[in-house]
């Protein structure tokens, strides 16, 4: 299992980004969470197998239909064994 965390910037709040991220994570079998930050970015933590996280990274780079992603800053971190599903915070 691998894990990543980071921020997505652009027009990513008020466009269904968090809920689309939840849906995509569920489809891919990725666990973790997503939340809005006061600075207008979206923060994410995700963990799963390598292929699932690659697909998840691709989704974050594009976002849902009404989003306009301008930057994705992700870094690898240690997985958290206490997180077993994906949630919106």
C-alpha atoms as a PDB file:
ATOM      1  CA  UNK A   1       0.000   0.000   0.000  1.00  0.00           C
ATOM      2  CA  UNK A   2       1.141   3.528  -0.844  1.00  0.00           C
ATOM      3  CA  UNK A   3      -0.125   6.923   0.313  1.00  0.00           C
ATOM      4  CA  UNK A   4      -0.037  10.531  -0.802  1.00  0.00           C
ATOM      5  CA  UNK A   5      -1.094  13.902   0.538  1.00  0.00           C
ATOM      6  CA  UNK A   6      -1.216  17.391  -0.881  1.00  0.00           C
ATOM      7  CA  UNK A   7      -3.244  20.271  -2.264  1.00  0.00           C
ATOM      8  CA  UNK A   8      -5.159  21.021  -5.431  1.00  0.00           C
ATOM      9  CA  UNK A   9      -5.404  24.684  -6.469  1.00  0.00           C
ATOM     10  CA  UNK A  10      -7.596  26.529  -8.937  1.00  0.00           C
ATOM     11  CA  UNK A  11     -11.363  26.763  -9.103  1.00  0.00           C
ATOM     12  CA  UNK A  12     -11.849  23.721  -6.883  1.00  0.00           C
ATOM     13  CA  UNK A  13     -14.320  24.919  -4.255  1.00  0.00           C
ATOM     14  CA  UNK A  14     -18.025  25.269  -4.933  1.00  0.00           C
ATOM     15  CA  UNK A  15     -17.856  23.019  -8.007  1.00  0.00           C
ATOM     16  CA  UNK A  16     -18.439  19.572  -6.473  1.00  0.00           C
ATOM     17  CA  UNK A  17     -14.742  18.739  -6.296  1.00  0.00           C
ATOM     18  CA  UNK A  18     -14.859  17.018  -2.896  1.00  0.00           C
ATOM     19  CA  UNK A  19     -17.876  14.883  -3.738  1.00  0.00           C
ATOM     20  CA  UNK A  20     -16.445  13.926  -7.125  1.00  0.00           C
ATOM     21  CA  UNK A  21     -13.200  13.007  -5.393  1.00  0.00           C
ATOM     22  CA  UNK A  22     -15.127  10.806  -2.959  1.00  0.00           C
ATOM     23  CA  UNK A  23     -16.903   9.085  -5.851  1.00  0.00           C
ATOM     24  CA  UNK A  24     -13.652   8.536  -7.761  1.00  0.00           C
ATOM     25  CA  UNK A  25     -11.914   7.177  -4.648  1.00  0.00           C
ATOM     26  CA  UNK A  26     -14.777   4.737  -4.086  1.00  0.00           C
ATOM     27  CA  UNK A  27     -14.563   3.539  -7.708  1.00  0.00           C
ATOM     28  CA  UNK A  28     -10.807   3.020  -7.418  1.00  0.00           C
ATOM     29  CA  UNK A  29     -10.792   1.440  -3.956  1.00  0.00           C
ATOM     30  CA  UNK A  30      -8.784   4.321  -2.471  1.00  0.00           C
ATOM     31  CA  UNK A  31      -9.098   5.212   1.226  1.00  0.00           C
ATOM     32  CA  UNK A  32      -8.472   8.643   2.734  1.00  0.00           C
ATOM     33  CA  UNK A  33     -10.163  12.024   2.911  1.00  0.00           C
ATOM     34  CA  UNK A  34     -10.635  15.350   1.152  1.00  0.00           C
ATOM     35  CA  UNK A  35     -11.426  18.789   2.587  1.00  0.00           C
ATOM     36  CA  UNK A  36     -11.648  22.443   1.635  1.00  0.00           C
ATOM     37  CA  UNK A  37      -9.012  24.780   3.042  1.00  0.00           C
ATOM     38  CA  UNK A  38      -9.471  28.412   3.956  1.00  0.00           C
ATOM     39  CA  UNK A  39      -6.957  29.453   1.272  1.00  0.00           C
ATOM     40  CA  UNK A  40      -9.284  28.163  -1.483  1.00  0.00           C
ATOM     41  CA  UNK A  41      -7.394  24.941  -2.167  1.00  0.00           C
ATOM     42  CA  UNK A  42      -8.562  21.404  -1.576  1.00  0.00           C
ATOM     43  CA  UNK A  43      -6.443  19.149   0.642  1.00  0.00           C
ATOM     44  CA  UNK A  44      -6.363  15.408   0.102  1.00  0.00           C
ATOM     45  CA  UNK A  45      -4.935  12.296   1.733  1.00  0.00           C
ATOM     46  CA  UNK A  46      -5.238   9.036  -0.170  1.00  0.00           C
ATOM     47  CA  UNK A  47      -3.886   5.520   0.119  1.00  0.00           C
ATOM     48  CA  UNK A  48      -4.206   2.376  -1.927  1.00  0.00           C
ATOM     49  CA  UNK A  49      -2.301   0.265  -4.394  1.00  0.00           C
ATOM     50  CA  UNK A  50       0.016   1.857  -6.926  1.00  0.00           C
ATOM     51  CA  UNK A  51      -2.311   1.564  -9.922  1.00  0.00           C
ATOM     52  CA  UNK A  52      -5.266   3.019  -8.019  1.00  0.00           C
ATOM     53  CA  UNK A  53      -3.202   5.974  -6.802  1.00  0.00           C
ATOM     54  CA  UNK A  54      -1.912   6.636 -10.321  1.00  0.00           C
ATOM     55  CA  UNK A  55      -5.507   6.836 -11.557  1.00  0.00           C
ATOM     56  CA  UNK A  56      -6.451   8.981  -8.551  1.00  0.00           C
ATOM     57  CA  UNK A  57      -3.598  11.417  -9.317  1.00  0.00           C
ATOM     58  CA  UNK A  58      -4.883  11.705 -12.881  1.00  0.00           C
ATOM     59  CA  UNK A  59      -8.357  12.514 -11.611  1.00  0.00           C
ATOM     60  CA  UNK A  60      -7.018  15.208  -9.259  1.00  0.00           C
ATOM     61  CA  UNK A  61      -5.154  16.849 -12.133  1.00  0.00           C
ATOM     62  CA  UNK A  62      -8.394  17.248 -14.067  1.00  0.00           C
ATOM     63  CA  UNK A  63     -11.131  17.351 -11.426  1.00  0.00           C
ATOM     64  CA  UNK A  64     -14.861  17.292 -12.142  1.00  0.00           C
ATOM     65  CA  UNK A  65     -16.452  19.038 -15.116  1.00  0.00           C
ATOM     66  CA  UNK A  66     -16.896  22.485 -13.519  1.00  0.00           C
ATOM     67  CA  UNK A  67     -13.483  22.632 -11.840  1.00  0.00           C
ATOM     68  CA  UNK A  68     -10.469  24.434 -13.248  1.00  0.00           C
ATOM     69  CA  UNK A  69      -7.387  22.807 -11.736  1.00  0.00           C
ATOM     70  CA  UNK A  70      -4.269  24.943 -12.111  1.00  0.00           C
ATOM     71  CA  UNK A  71      -1.860  23.123  -9.786  1.00  0.00           C
ATOM     72  CA  UNK A  72      -1.599  19.820  -7.961  1.00  0.00           C
ATOM     73  CA  UNK A  73       1.087  19.454  -5.319  1.00  0.00           C
ATOM     74  CA  UNK A  74       1.319  15.922  -3.973  1.00  0.00           C
ATOM     75  CA  UNK A  75       3.947  14.081  -1.993  1.00  0.00           C
ATOM     76  CA  UNK A  76       4.330  10.496  -0.899  1.00  0.00           C
ATOM     77  CA  UNK A  77       3.723   9.765   2.783  1.00  0.00           C
ATOM     78  CA  UNK A  78       3.367   6.705   4.975  1.00  0.00           C
ATOM     79  CA  UNK A  79      -0.018   4.959   4.840  1.00  0.00           C
ATOM     80  CA  UNK A  80      -2.349   5.254   7.833  1.00  0.00           C
ATOM     81  CA  UNK A  81      -3.679   1.796   8.752  1.00  0.00           C
ATOM     82  CA  UNK A  82      -6.543   3.345  10.735  1.00  0.00           C
ATOM     83  CA  UNK A  83      -8.123   4.799   7.573  1.00  0.00           C
ATOM     84  CA  UNK A  84     -10.160   2.172   5.725  1.00  0.00           C
ATOM     85  CA  UNK A  85     -12.612   4.235   3.653  1.00  0.00           C
ATOM     86  CA  UNK A  86     -12.780   7.630   1.941  1.00  0.00           C
ATOM     87  CA  UNK A  87     -14.573  10.616   3.472  1.00  0.00           C
ATOM     88  CA  UNK A  88     -15.322  14.284   2.928  1.00  0.00           C
ATOM     89  CA  UNK A  89     -14.229  16.388   5.875  1.00  0.00           C
END
